[in-house]
Every structure is written in structure tokens, then in C-alpha cells.
Amino acid sequence: MAAVSCRAIIKCRKKPQKHCMMAGWQPVIDTYNQAAPAHKREYRIKVRETEFEKTPLKKIKRY
């Protein structure tokens, strides 16, 4: 697992934003992508501001 710089984490704790979240995860994703076959690599990641809409059973609504 890759190390994430402490400066990036401390800077982002005050006000978490999408670019801060990606800065923390990017080294982990890069390490995974080096070992993963091409069809399993992560090329795009979308960070959501809100959770997915849920059913009464707390499962994600698909349609």
C-alpha cells in the first residue's frame, strides 16, 4: 500500500473537497493499477457529494 503525504491530509481536514480526497487515494490507485491487468484497472473515479438514494432496507436504488 502506498503512503499518503501528511501535508495533503492535514491541509484537507479543514474542508474536505474532491481534489483532496483524490490526492489521498491516488497513490493507492496507482499502486493497484501497476499490478492489475488492463481490463481491471481504474481509469476514472467519480467522487459523489451525497450518498446514493436508498430503499427502506438501506440498499441502493438501482432504477
PDB file of N, CA and C in Angstrom:
ATOM      1  N   MET A   1       0.845  -1.171   0.000  1.00  0.00           N
ATOM      2  CA  MET A   1       0.000   0.000   0.000  1.00  0.00           C
ATOM      3  C   MET A   1       0.892   1.237   0.000  1.00  0.00           C
ATOM      4  N   ALA A   2       0.530   2.235  -0.761  1.00  0.00           N
ATOM      5  CA  ALA A   2       1.334   3.438  -0.890  1.00  0.00           C
ATOM      6  C   ALA A   2       1.087   4.398   0.266  1.00  0.00           C
ATOM      7  N   ALA A   3       2.103   5.175   0.575  1.00  0.00           N
ATOM      8  CA  ALA A   3       1.979   6.162   1.649  1.00  0.00           C
ATOM      9  C   ALA A   3       1.399   7.453   1.091  1.00  0.00           C
ATOM     10  N   VAL A   4       0.586   8.104   1.889  1.00  0.00           N
ATOM     11  CA  VAL A   4      -0.009   9.376   1.510  1.00  0.00           C
ATOM     12  C   VAL A   4       0.671  10.457   2.331  1.00  0.00           C
ATOM     13  N   SER A   5       1.035  11.568   1.691  1.00  0.00           N
ATOM     14  CA  SER A   5       1.760  12.608   2.423  1.00  0.00           C
ATOM     15  C   SER A   5       0.885  13.220   3.506  1.00  0.00           C
ATOM     16  N   CYS A   6       1.501  13.463   4.655  1.00  0.00           N
ATOM     17  CA  CYS A   6       0.780  14.034   5.795  1.00  0.00           C
ATOM     18  C   CYS A   6       0.318  15.447   5.503  1.00  0.00           C
ATOM     19  N   ARG A   7       1.105  16.201   4.750  1.00  0.00           N
ATOM     20  CA  ARG A   7       0.722  17.574   4.433  1.00  0.00           C
ATOM     21  C   ARG A   7      -0.604  17.624   3.699  1.00  0.00           C
ATOM     22  N   ALA A   8      -0.793  16.721   2.748  1.00  0.00           N
ATOM     23  CA  ALA A   8      -2.044  16.699   1.973  1.00  0.00           C
ATOM     24  C   ALA A   8      -3.224  16.367   2.874  1.00  0.00           C
ATOM     25  N   ILE A   9      -3.043  15.454   3.820  1.00  0.00           N
ATOM     26  CA  ILE A   9      -4.138  15.069   4.714  1.00  0.00           C
ATOM     27  C   ILE A   9      -4.474  16.205   5.676  1.00  0.00           C
ATOM     28  N   ILE A  10      -3.468  16.813   6.285  1.00  0.00           N
ATOM     29  CA  ILE A  10      -3.712  17.899   7.237  1.00  0.00           C
ATOM     30  C   ILE A  10      -4.362  19.082   6.539  1.00  0.00           C
ATOM     31  N   LYS A  11      -3.911  19.412   5.359  1.00  0.00           N
ATOM     32  CA  LYS A  11      -4.458  20.528   4.600  1.00  0.00           C
ATOM     33  C   LYS A  11      -5.928  20.298   4.269  1.00  0.00           C
ATOM     34  N   CYS A  12      -6.304  19.068   4.013  1.00  0.00           N
ATOM     35  CA  CYS A  12      -7.655  18.756   3.575  1.00  0.00           C
ATOM     36  C   CYS A  12      -8.628  18.496   4.726  1.00  0.00           C
ATOM     37  N   ARG A  13      -8.139  18.292   5.931  1.00  0.00           N
ATOM     38  CA  ARG A  13      -9.036  18.001   7.048  1.00  0.00           C
ATOM     39  C   ARG A  13      -9.945  19.175   7.370  1.00  0.00           C
ATOM     40  N   LYS A  14      -9.456  20.377   7.161  1.00  0.00           N
ATOM     41  CA  LYS A  14     -10.239  21.559   7.498  1.00  0.00           C
ATOM     42  C   LYS A  14     -11.503  21.652   6.655  1.00  0.00           C
ATOM     43  N   LYS A  15     -11.383  21.391   5.378  1.00  0.00           N
ATOM     44  CA  LYS A  15     -12.519  21.481   4.460  1.00  0.00           C
ATOM     45  C   LYS A  15     -12.352  20.415   3.378  1.00  0.00           C
ATOM     46  N   PRO A  16     -12.905  19.214   3.588  1.00  0.00           N
ATOM     47  CA  PRO A  16     -12.722  18.152   2.596  1.00  0.00           C
ATOM     48  C   PRO A  16     -13.356  18.512   1.255  1.00  0.00           C
ATOM     49  N   GLN A  17     -12.594  18.353   0.204  1.00  0.00           N
ATOM     50  CA  GLN A  17     -13.073  18.621  -1.145  1.00  0.00           C
ATOM     51  C   GLN A  17     -12.687  17.448  -2.026  1.00  0.00           C
ATOM     52  N   LYS A  18     -13.251  17.438  -3.234  1.00  0.00           N
ATOM     53  CA  LYS A  18     -12.997  16.318  -4.140  1.00  0.00           C
ATOM     54  C   LYS A  18     -11.516  16.154  -4.441  1.00  0.00           C
ATOM     55  N   HIS A  19     -10.818  17.259  -4.727  1.00  0.00           N
ATOM     56  CA  HIS A  19      -9.406  17.123  -5.093  1.00  0.00           C
ATOM     57  C   HIS A  19      -8.578  16.619  -3.914  1.00  0.00           C
ATOM     58  N   CYS A  20      -8.980  16.950  -2.694  1.00  0.00           N
ATOM     59  CA  CYS A  20      -8.259  16.446  -1.515  1.00  0.00           C
ATOM     60  C   CYS A  20      -8.490  14.948  -1.349  1.00  0.00           C
ATOM     61  N   MET A  21      -9.697  14.512  -1.603  1.00  0.00           N
ATOM     62  CA  MET A  21      -9.998  13.082  -1.484  1.00  0.00           C
ATOM     63  C   MET A  21      -9.191  12.301  -2.514  1.00  0.00           C
ATOM     64  N   MET A  22      -9.116  12.818  -3.727  1.00  0.00           N
ATOM     65  CA  MET A  22      -8.380  12.129  -4.775  1.00  0.00           C
ATOM     66  C   MET A  22      -6.876  12.160  -4.497  1.00  0.00           C
ATOM     67  N   ALA A  23      -6.381  13.239  -3.896  1.00  0.00           N
ATOM     68  CA  ALA A  23      -4.954  13.322  -3.577  1.00  0.00           C
ATOM     69  C   ALA A  23      -4.570  12.219  -2.599  1.00  0.00           C
ATOM     70  N   GLY A  24      -5.467  11.890  -1.688  1.00  0.00           N
ATOM     71  CA  GLY A  24      -5.189  10.837  -0.724  1.00  0.00           C
ATOM     72  C   GLY A  24      -5.270   9.445  -1.315  1.00  0.00           C
ATOM     73  N   TRP A  25      -6.156   9.231  -2.254  1.00  0.00           N
ATOM     74  CA  TRP A  25      -6.362   7.898  -2.822  1.00  0.00           C
ATOM     75  C   TRP A  25      -5.499   7.619  -4.044  1.00  0.00           C
ATOM     76  N   GLN A  26      -5.000   8.646  -4.709  1.00  0.00           N
ATOM     77  CA  GLN A  26      -4.282   8.454  -5.965  1.00  0.00           C
ATOM     78  C   GLN A  26      -3.070   7.531  -5.844  1.00  0.00           C
ATOM     79  N   PRO A  27      -2.224   7.644  -4.806  1.00  0.00           N
ATOM     80  CA  PRO A  27      -1.091   6.699  -4.704  1.00  0.00           C
ATOM     81  C   PRO A  27      -1.542   5.248  -4.549  1.00  0.00           C
ATOM     82  N   VAL A  28      -2.625   5.023  -3.848  1.00  0.00           N
ATOM     83  CA  VAL A  28      -3.145   3.661  -3.668  1.00  0.00           C
ATOM     84  C   VAL A  28      -3.651   3.120  -5.002  1.00  0.00           C
ATOM     85  N   ILE A  29      -4.364   3.953  -5.741  1.00  0.00           N
ATOM     86  CA  ILE A  29      -4.895   3.550  -7.047  1.00  0.00           C
ATOM     87  C   ILE A  29      -3.755   3.262  -8.020  1.00  0.00           C
ATOM     88  N   ASP A  30      -2.729   4.110  -8.012  1.00  0.00           N
ATOM     89  CA  ASP A  30      -1.585   3.901  -8.910  1.00  0.00           C
ATOM     90  C   ASP A  30      -0.872   2.588  -8.615  1.00  0.00           C
ATOM     91  N   THR A  31      -0.711   2.273  -7.340  1.00  0.00           N
ATOM     92  CA  THR A  31      -0.065   1.018  -6.954  1.00  0.00           C
ATOM     93  C   THR A  31      -0.891  -0.176  -7.434  1.00  0.00           C
ATOM     94  N   TYR A  32      -2.194  -0.106  -7.255  1.00  0.00           N
ATOM     95  CA  TYR A  32      -3.075  -1.187  -7.711  1.00  0.00           C
ATOM     96  C   TYR A  32      -2.991  -1.342  -9.226  1.00  0.00           C
ATOM     97  N   ASN A  33      -3.045  -0.219  -9.950  1.00  0.00           N
ATOM     98  CA  ASN A  33      -3.048  -0.263 -11.415  1.00  0.00           C
ATOM     99  C   ASN A  33      -1.765  -0.853 -11.987  1.00  0.00           C
ATOM    100  N   GLN A  34      -0.653  -0.725 -11.300  1.00  0.00           N
ATOM    101  CA  GLN A  34       0.600  -1.297 -11.793  1.00  0.00           C
ATOM    102  C   GLN A  34       0.544  -2.817 -11.833  1.00  0.00           C
ATOM    103  N   ALA A  35      -0.152  -3.415 -10.875  1.00  0.00           N
ATOM    104  CA  ALA A  35      -0.201  -4.874 -10.794  1.00  0.00           C
ATOM    105  C   ALA A  35      -1.421  -5.472 -11.490  1.00  0.00           C
ATOM    106  N   ALA A  36      -2.460  -4.673 -11.699  1.00  0.00           N
ATOM    107  CA  ALA A  36      -3.715  -5.190 -12.247  1.00  0.00           C
ATOM    108  C   ALA A  36      -3.631  -5.331 -13.767  1.00  0.00           C
ATOM    109  N   PRO A  37      -4.335  -6.327 -14.316  1.00  0.00           N
ATOM    110  CA  PRO A  37      -4.409  -6.436 -15.776  1.00  0.00           C
ATOM    111  C   PRO A  37      -5.203  -5.250 -16.343  1.00  0.00           C
ATOM    112  N   ALA A  38      -5.036  -4.979 -17.611  1.00  0.00           N
ATOM    113  CA  ALA A  38      -5.627  -3.790 -18.239  1.00  0.00           C
ATOM    114  C   ALA A  38      -7.140  -3.713 -18.067  1.00  0.00           C
ATOM    115  N   HIS A  39      -7.829  -4.844 -18.120  1.00  0.00           N
ATOM    116  CA  HIS A  39      -9.289  -4.808 -18.034  1.00  0.00           C
ATOM    117  C   HIS A  39      -9.805  -4.566 -16.615  1.00  0.00           C
ATOM    118  N   LYS A  40      -8.928  -4.596 -15.614  1.00  0.00           N
ATOM    119  CA  LYS A  40      -9.350  -4.346 -14.235  1.00  0.00           C
ATOM    120  C   LYS A  40      -8.822  -3.032 -13.670  1.00  0.00           C
ATOM    121  N   ARG A  41      -8.105  -2.256 -14.443  1.00  0.00           N
ATOM    122  CA  ARG A  41      -7.533  -1.004 -13.951  1.00  0.00           C
ATOM    123  C   ARG A  41      -8.607   0.061 -13.759  1.00  0.00           C
ATOM    124  N   GLU A  42      -8.352   0.934 -12.807  1.00  0.00           N
ATOM    125  CA  GLU A  42      -9.254   2.054 -12.540  1.00  0.00           C
ATOM    126  C   GLU A  42      -8.791   3.243 -13.367  1.00  0.00           C
ATOM    127  N   TYR A  43      -9.614   3.656 -14.324  1.00  0.00           N
ATOM    128  CA  TYR A  43      -9.259   4.781 -15.177  1.00  0.00           C
ATOM    129  C   TYR A  43      -9.969   6.058 -14.748  1.00  0.00           C
ATOM    130  N   ARG A  44     -11.192   5.923 -14.278  1.00  0.00           N
ATOM    131  CA  ARG A  44     -11.977   7.085 -13.851  1.00  0.00           C
ATOM    132  C   ARG A  44     -12.612   6.790 -12.510  1.00  0.00           C
ATOM    133  N   ILE A  45     -12.600   7.786 -11.640  1.00  0.00           N
ATOM    134  CA  ILE A  45     -13.276   7.670 -10.353  1.00  0.00           C
ATOM    135  C   ILE A  45     -14.103   8.923 -10.165  1.00  0.00           C
ATOM    136  N   LYS A  46     -15.339   8.734  -9.776  1.00  0.00           N
ATOM    137  CA  LYS A  46     -16.227   9.870  -9.548  1.00  0.00           C
ATOM    138  C   LYS A  46     -16.532   9.950  -8.055  1.00  0.00           C
ATOM    139  N   VAL A  47     -16.216  11.079  -7.450  1.00  0.00           N
ATOM    140  CA  VAL A  47     -16.486  11.302  -6.035  1.00  0.00           C
ATOM    141  C   VAL A  47     -17.828  12.008  -5.929  1.00  0.00           C
ATOM    142  N   ARG A  48     -18.732  11.416  -5.167  1.00  0.00           N
ATOM    143  CA  ARG A  48     -20.074  11.978  -5.017  1.00  0.00           C
ATOM    144  C   ARG A  48     -20.146  12.870  -3.785  1.00  0.00           C
ATOM    145  N   GLU A  49     -20.912  13.940  -3.896  1.00  0.00           N
ATOM    146  CA  GLU A  49     -21.135  14.845  -2.768  1.00  0.00           C
ATOM    147  C   GLU A  49     -22.139  14.244  -1.782  1.00  0.00           C
ATOM    148  N   THR A  50     -23.085  13.450  -2.292  1.00  0.00           N
ATOM    149  CA  THR A  50     -24.129  12.860  -1.450  1.00  0.00           C
ATOM    150  C   THR A  50     -24.133  11.342  -1.632  1.00  0.00           C
ATOM    151  N   GLU A  51     -24.793  10.669  -0.725  1.00  0.00           N
ATOM    152  CA  GLU A  51     -24.928   9.223  -0.842  1.00  0.00           C
ATOM    153  C   GLU A  51     -25.954   8.889  -1.919  1.00  0.00           C
ATOM    154  N   PHE A  52     -25.925   7.654  -2.374  1.00  0.00           N
ATOM    155  CA  PHE A  52     -26.938   7.186  -3.307  1.00  0.00           C
ATOM    156  C   PHE A  52     -28.287   7.134  -2.601  1.00  0.00           C
ATOM    157  N   GLU A  53     -29.354   7.265  -3.372  1.00  0.00           N
ATOM    158  CA  GLU A  53     -30.701   7.132  -2.807  1.00  0.00           C
ATOM    159  C   GLU A  53     -30.883   5.687  -2.353  1.00  0.00           C
ATOM    160  N   LYS A  54     -31.499   5.487  -1.198  1.00  0.00           N
ATOM    161  CA  LYS A  54     -31.624   4.153  -0.610  1.00  0.00           C
ATOM    162  C   LYS A  54     -33.080   3.722  -0.490  1.00  0.00           C
ATOM    163  N   THR A  55     -33.285   2.398  -0.481  1.00  0.00           N
ATOM    164  CA  THR A  55     -34.593   1.809  -0.239  1.00  0.00           C
ATOM    165  C   THR A  55     -34.828   1.768   1.269  1.00  0.00           C
ATOM    166  N   PRO A  56     -36.038   1.425   1.714  1.00  0.00           N
ATOM    167  CA  PRO A  56     -36.279   1.289   3.159  1.00  0.00           C
ATOM    168  C   PRO A  56     -35.373   0.257   3.841  1.00  0.00           C
ATOM    169  N   LEU A  57     -34.850  -0.692   3.069  1.00  0.00           N
ATOM    170  CA  LEU A  57     -33.947  -1.705   3.620  1.00  0.00           C
ATOM    171  C   LEU A  57     -32.488  -1.259   3.567  1.00  0.00           C
ATOM    172  N   LYS A  58     -32.265   0.013   3.223  1.00  0.00           N
ATOM    173  CA  LYS A  58     -30.919   0.626   3.155  1.00  0.00           C
ATOM    174  C   LYS A  58     -30.054   0.089   2.028  1.00  0.00           C
ATOM    175  N   LYS A  59     -30.695  -0.408   0.974  1.00  0.00           N
ATOM    176  CA  LYS A  59     -29.967  -0.841  -0.211  1.00  0.00           C
ATOM    177  C   LYS A  59     -30.037   0.286  -1.238  1.00  0.00           C
ATOM    178  N   ILE A  60     -29.064   0.352  -2.143  1.00  0.00           N
ATOM    179  CA  ILE A  60     -29.048   1.402  -3.154  1.00  0.00           C
ATOM    180  C   ILE A  60     -30.146   1.150  -4.174  1.00  0.00           C
ATOM    181  N   LYS A  61     -30.926   2.210  -4.474  1.00  0.00           N
ATOM    182  CA  LYS A  61     -31.948   2.104  -5.519  1.00  0.00           C
ATOM    183  C   LYS A  61     -31.263   2.086  -6.868  1.00  0.00           C
ATOM    184  N   ARG A  62     -31.558   1.107  -7.662  1.00  0.00           N
ATOM    185  CA  ARG A  62     -30.914   0.960  -8.967  1.00  0.00           C
ATOM    186  C   ARG A  62     -31.684   1.649 -10.075  1.00  0.00           C
ATOM    187  N   TYR A  63     -33.008   1.688  -9.963  1.00  0.00           N
ATOM    188  CA  TYR A  63     -33.820   2.263 -11.040  1.00  0.00           C
ATOM    189  C   TYR A  63     -34.838   3.214 -10.477  1.00  0.00           C
TER     190      TYR A  63
END
